[in-house]
N, C-alpha and C. Protein backbone atom coordinates (compact mmCIF):
# COMPACT_ATOMS: atom_id res chain seq x y z
N UNK A 1 59.67 222.07 60.11
CA UNK A 1 61.27 222.35 60.51
C UNK A 1 61.81 222.52 59.28
N UNK A 2 61.37 222.42 58.20
CA UNK A 2 62.26 222.61 56.87
C UNK A 2 62.20 224.14 56.92
N UNK A 3 61.41 224.63 56.94
CA UNK A 3 61.10 226.30 56.49
C UNK A 3 61.83 227.03 57.82
N UNK A 4 61.69 226.67 58.69
CA UNK A 4 62.02 227.14 59.96
C UNK A 4 63.12 227.16 60.47
N UNK A 5 63.33 226.48 60.99
CA UNK A 5 64.76 226.27 62.12
C UNK A 5 65.69 225.48 61.73
N UNK A 6 65.73 225.12 60.74
CA UNK A 6 67.01 223.75 60.03
C UNK A 6 67.38 224.36 58.52
N UNK A 7 67.54 225.41 58.35
CA UNK A 7 68.33 225.81 57.16
C UNK A 7 69.80 225.67 57.02
N UNK A 8 70.40 225.27 58.27
CA UNK A 8 71.55 224.96 58.10
C UNK A 8 72.02 223.80 57.53
N UNK A 9 70.73 223.35 57.69
CA UNK A 9 71.24 221.67 56.88
C UNK A 9 71.03 221.64 55.46
N UNK A 10 71.98 221.33 54.76
CA UNK A 10 71.52 221.36 53.33
C UNK A 10 70.42 220.37 52.74
N UNK A 11 70.20 219.46 53.09
CA UNK A 11 69.05 218.62 52.59
C UNK A 11 67.99 219.53 53.04
N UNK A 12 67.78 220.61 53.90
CA UNK A 12 66.48 220.79 54.22
C UNK A 12 66.38 222.03 53.66
N UNK A 13 67.28 222.67 52.38
CA UNK A 13 67.43 224.45 51.86
C UNK A 13 66.17 223.77 50.44
N UNK A 14 65.55 225.00 50.71
CA UNK A 14 64.52 224.44 49.09
C UNK A 14 63.52 224.96 49.80
N UNK A 15 63.20 225.45 50.75
CA UNK A 15 61.81 225.95 51.34
C UNK A 15 60.50 225.54 50.71
N UNK A 16 59.64 226.17 50.31
CA UNK A 16 58.52 225.86 49.32
C UNK A 16 58.32 224.68 48.81
N UNK A 17 59.14 224.83 47.36
CA UNK A 17 59.49 223.66 46.53
C UNK A 17 59.82 222.69 46.97
N UNK A 18 60.94 222.91 47.84
CA UNK A 18 61.40 221.27 48.70
C UNK A 18 59.85 220.75 49.18
N UNK A 19 58.75 221.34 49.79
CA UNK A 19 57.95 220.84 50.58
C UNK A 19 57.67 220.17 49.68
N UNK A 20 57.16 221.07 48.22
CA UNK A 20 55.98 220.58 47.45
C UNK A 20 56.41 219.13 46.28
N UNK A 21 58.19 218.89 46.40
CA UNK A 21 58.37 218.21 46.09
C UNK A 21 58.22 216.84 46.74
N UNK A 22 58.58 216.98 47.99
CA UNK A 22 58.11 215.65 49.31
C UNK A 22 57.12 215.11 49.11
N UNK A 23 55.93 216.46 48.79
CA UNK A 23 54.78 216.28 48.98
C UNK A 23 54.36 215.06 47.81
N UNK A 24 54.81 215.71 46.46
CA UNK A 24 54.54 214.55 45.72
C UNK A 24 55.21 213.54 45.02
N UNK A 25 56.10 213.46 46.21
CA UNK A 25 56.50 211.68 46.43
C UNK A 25 55.93 211.04 47.29
N UNK A 26 55.41 211.49 48.39
CA UNK A 26 54.61 210.57 49.08
C UNK A 26 53.19 210.85 49.20
N UNK A 27 53.05 211.21 48.26
CA UNK A 27 51.44 211.37 47.52
C UNK A 27 51.10 211.39 46.19
N UNK A 28 51.69 210.07 45.63
CA UNK A 28 51.62 210.27 44.23
C UNK A 28 50.32 210.54 43.75
N UNK A 29 50.09 211.56 42.39
CA UNK A 29 48.68 211.71 42.39
C UNK A 29 47.79 212.93 43.31
N UNK A 30 48.14 213.28 43.84
CA UNK A 30 47.97 214.12 44.94
C UNK A 30 47.45 213.80 45.91
N UNK A 31 47.22 212.28 46.38
CA UNK A 31 46.34 211.78 47.36
C UNK A 31 47.00 210.86 48.08
N UNK A 32 46.53 209.95 49.13
CA UNK A 32 47.05 208.45 49.90
C UNK A 32 46.75 207.39 49.09
N UNK A 33 47.58 206.30 48.78
CA UNK A 33 47.06 205.72 47.79
C UNK A 33 46.42 204.11 49.08
N UNK A 34 45.64 203.31 48.48
CA UNK A 34 45.37 202.36 49.30
C UNK A 34 46.43 200.97 48.87
N UNK A 35 46.58 200.16 49.67
CA UNK A 35 47.18 199.13 49.41
C UNK A 35 47.88 198.73 48.01
N UNK A 36 46.95 198.51 47.53
CA UNK A 36 47.01 197.75 45.96
C UNK A 36 47.86 199.14 45.16
N UNK A 37 47.21 200.15 44.89
CA UNK A 37 47.68 201.39 44.79
C UNK A 37 48.75 201.70 45.00
N UNK A 38 49.32 201.57 46.05
CA UNK A 38 50.71 201.83 46.40
C UNK A 38 51.50 200.61 45.98
N UNK A 39 51.27 199.26 45.95
CA UNK A 39 51.86 198.56 45.30
C UNK A 39 51.89 198.72 43.70
N UNK A 40 50.89 198.61 43.19
CA UNK A 40 51.15 198.79 41.63
C UNK A 40 52.44 200.61 41.38
N UNK A 41 51.98 201.06 42.04
CA UNK A 41 53.10 202.30 41.98
C UNK A 41 54.18 201.76 42.36
N UNK A 42 54.74 201.54 43.74
CA UNK A 42 55.94 200.80 43.34
C UNK A 42 56.69 199.99 42.37
N UNK A 43 55.92 199.05 41.93
CA UNK A 43 56.13 198.33 41.01
C UNK A 43 56.16 199.00 39.34
N UNK A 44 55.81 199.84 39.40
CA UNK A 44 55.87 201.08 38.04
C UNK A 44 57.34 201.51 38.33
N UNK A 45 57.84 201.81 39.70
CA UNK A 45 58.86 202.82 40.26
C UNK A 45 59.97 201.68 39.76
N UNK A 46 59.65 200.50 40.32
CA UNK A 46 60.85 199.34 39.98
C UNK A 46 60.90 199.07 38.70
N UNK A 47 60.05 198.64 37.68
CA UNK A 47 59.77 198.43 36.04
C UNK A 47 60.44 199.39 35.85
N UNK A 48 60.49 201.14 35.93
CA UNK A 48 61.04 201.93 35.50
C UNK A 48 62.52 202.29 35.79
N UNK A 49 62.91 201.69 36.84
CA UNK A 49 64.69 201.91 37.25
C UNK A 49 65.38 200.95 36.64
N UNK A 50 64.68 199.77 36.17
CA UNK A 50 65.13 198.20 35.73
C UNK A 50 65.98 199.09 34.17
N UNK A 51 66.90 198.72 34.04
CA UNK A 51 68.41 198.66 33.12
C UNK A 51 68.19 200.36 32.77
N UNK A 52 67.72 201.12 33.83
CA UNK A 52 67.88 202.42 33.63
C UNK A 52 68.85 203.45 33.49
N UNK A 53 69.81 203.89 32.70
CA UNK A 53 71.33 204.17 32.94
C UNK A 53 71.64 204.72 34.28
N UNK A 54 70.77 205.82 34.53
CA UNK A 54 70.87 206.50 35.98
C UNK A 54 70.98 205.13 36.96
N UNK A 55 69.86 204.27 37.08
CA UNK A 55 70.31 203.21 38.18
C UNK A 55 71.67 202.75 37.82
N UNK A 56 72.06 202.12 36.74
CA UNK A 56 73.05 201.29 36.32
C UNK A 56 74.26 202.25 36.78
N UNK A 57 74.60 203.63 36.62
CA UNK A 57 75.81 204.15 36.78
C UNK A 57 75.89 204.39 38.29
N UNK A 58 74.77 205.16 39.22
CA UNK A 58 74.80 205.14 40.58
C UNK A 58 75.05 203.67 41.31
N UNK A 59 74.54 202.52 40.76
CA UNK A 59 74.94 200.96 41.09
C UNK A 59 76.22 200.53 41.17
N UNK A 60 76.86 201.47 39.96
CA UNK A 60 78.23 200.77 39.77
C UNK A 60 78.88 201.99 40.57
N UNK A 61 78.66 203.14 40.91
CA UNK A 61 79.35 204.30 42.06
C UNK A 61 79.19 203.08 43.24
N UNK A 62 78.14 203.04 43.64
CA UNK A 62 78.09 202.59 44.86
C UNK A 62 78.87 201.18 45.32
N UNK A 63 79.03 199.88 43.88
CA UNK A 63 79.93 199.23 44.13
C UNK A 63 81.38 199.46 44.34
N UNK A 64 81.55 200.72 43.68
CA UNK A 64 82.94 200.94 43.76
C UNK A 64 83.58 201.54 45.29
N UNK A 65 82.83 202.67 45.68
CA UNK A 65 82.52 202.90 47.45
C UNK A 65 82.53 202.14 48.08
N UNK A 66 82.06 200.92 48.09
CA UNK A 66 81.84 200.03 49.11
C UNK A 66 82.63 198.99 48.64
N UNK A 67 83.53 199.15 47.57
CA UNK A 67 84.82 198.40 47.43
C UNK A 67 83.88 196.83 46.87
N UNK A 68 83.20 196.73 46.41
CA UNK A 68 82.38 195.25 45.70
C UNK A 68 83.18 195.21 44.89
N UNK A 69 83.48 195.98 43.35
CA UNK A 69 83.96 195.34 42.29
C UNK A 69 85.54 194.84 42.36
């Protein structure tokens, strides 16, 4: 779908490079993770995002857009 019929959708523009990066996100390390490895991977992503300036900026943006602040 991404390569053939949906090039009119901005989220699908990118062709093979898009597919490669999507596959990297779905299969970290190039393989399917078992439950324990998936849990460790997710915990690592969360730890990496804590107090990250990009995360804080995005959260602040969402608070403003949603009228929370």
